Protein backbone atom coordinates (compact mmCIF):
# COMPACT_ATOMS: atom_id res chain seq x y z
CA MET A 1 0.00 0.00 0.00
CA LYS A 2 2.87 2.34 0.80
CA SER A 3 4.45 1.88 -2.64
CA ILE A 4 1.13 2.70 -4.39
CA PHE A 5 0.90 5.93 -2.40
CA GLN A 6 4.49 6.83 -3.23
CA ALA A 7 3.88 6.09 -6.91
CA ALA A 8 0.78 8.32 -6.91
CA VAL A 9 2.67 11.16 -5.23
CA LEU A 10 5.55 10.80 -7.66
CA ALA A 11 3.17 10.83 -10.64
CA ALA A 12 1.47 13.97 -9.31
CA VAL A 13 4.79 15.73 -8.76
CA ILE A 14 5.85 14.93 -12.32
CA ALA A 15 2.49 15.86 -13.88
CA VAL A 16 1.95 19.26 -12.21
CA PRO A 17 4.86 21.10 -13.88
CA ALA A 18 3.98 19.60 -17.26
CA VAL A 19 0.38 20.78 -17.00
CA SER A 20 1.32 24.28 -15.83
CA PHE A 21 3.91 24.59 -18.61
CA ALA A 22 1.40 23.57 -21.25
CA GLN A 23 -1.08 26.21 -20.10
CA SER A 24 1.44 29.04 -20.20
CA GLN A 25 2.58 28.39 -23.77
CA GLN A 26 -0.23 29.99 -25.72
CA PRO A 27 0.59 31.22 -29.23
CA LEU A 28 0.84 34.95 -29.72
CA THR A 29 -1.61 36.77 -31.93
CA ARG A 30 -0.45 39.01 -34.77
CA ALA A 31 -1.49 42.07 -32.79
CA GLN A 32 0.65 40.97 -29.82
CA VAL A 33 3.67 40.41 -32.08
CA ARG A 34 3.18 43.84 -33.70
CA ASP A 35 2.89 45.48 -30.26
CA GLU A 36 6.12 43.82 -29.13
CA LEU A 37 7.91 44.96 -32.29
CA VAL A 38 6.68 48.53 -31.79
CA GLN A 39 7.94 48.47 -28.18
CA LEU A 40 11.32 47.08 -29.25
CA ARG A 41 11.71 49.69 -32.00
CA ALA A 42 10.83 52.45 -29.54
CA ALA A 43 13.55 51.06 -27.26
CA GLY A 44 16.15 51.33 -30.02
CA TYR A 45 15.93 48.00 -31.85
CA ASP A 46 16.63 48.18 -35.58
CA PRO A 47 15.58 44.96 -37.36
CA HIS A 48 17.69 45.89 -40.39
CA ASP A 49 20.95 46.06 -38.38
CA TRP A 50 22.22 42.51 -38.95
CA MET A 51 25.79 43.35 -37.93
CA HIS A 52 24.80 43.85 -34.27
CA TYR A 53 21.82 41.49 -34.17
CA PRO A 54 22.09 39.66 -30.86
CA GLU A 55 23.33 42.64 -28.87
CA ASN A 56 20.84 45.03 -30.48
CA ILE A 57 17.69 43.07 -29.63
CA GLN A 58 18.94 41.97 -26.20
CA ALA A 59 19.60 45.58 -25.21
CA ALA A 60 16.16 46.64 -26.47
CA GLU A 61 14.48 43.76 -24.61
CA ALA A 62 16.30 44.76 -21.43
CA ARG A 63 15.10 48.37 -21.83
CA VAL A 64 11.51 47.23 -22.45
CA GLY A 65 11.67 44.88 -19.46
CA ALA A 66 13.01 47.63 -17.21
CA GLU A 67 10.28 49.98 -18.41
CA LYS A 68 7.58 47.39 -17.73
CA ALA A 69 9.01 46.70 -14.28
CA SER A 70 9.00 50.39 -13.38
CA ASN A 71 5.42 50.81 -14.66
CA THR A 72 4.00 47.96 -12.59
CA ALA A 73 5.15 49.23 -9.19
CA TYR A 74 2.43 49.94 -6.63
CA GLY A 75 2.41 52.68 -4.05
CA PRO A 76 4.29 55.94 -3.82
CA SER A 77 7.75 56.48 -5.21
CA THR A 78 10.50 55.31 -2.89
CA SER A 79 13.23 57.46 -4.39
CA GLY A 80 12.34 60.58 -2.32
CA THR A 81 13.66 61.75 1.01
CA SER A 82 11.90 62.31 4.31
CA GLN A 83 12.60 64.07 7.56
CA SER A 84 11.65 63.15 11.08
CA SER A 85 10.23 65.71 13.53
CA GLN A 86 12.29 64.44 16.46
């Protein structure tokens, strides 16, 4: 009985990541691809610059990622200063 339980637990542990991975891999629509390309071009990516291809798109993706990260922050800005009344 113990080995059946262990086998069931092992099967569940193996199946859960496979199911969650399959759900997250949805194909992009044309509109999503166009939006990504517009964002990359605005961040400095030039699709016609084949001489600097990997560096060019990686730098643009990093800029877009940093911009998205800064736009999703909640609450007030934490870059200010404050004074205590003590």
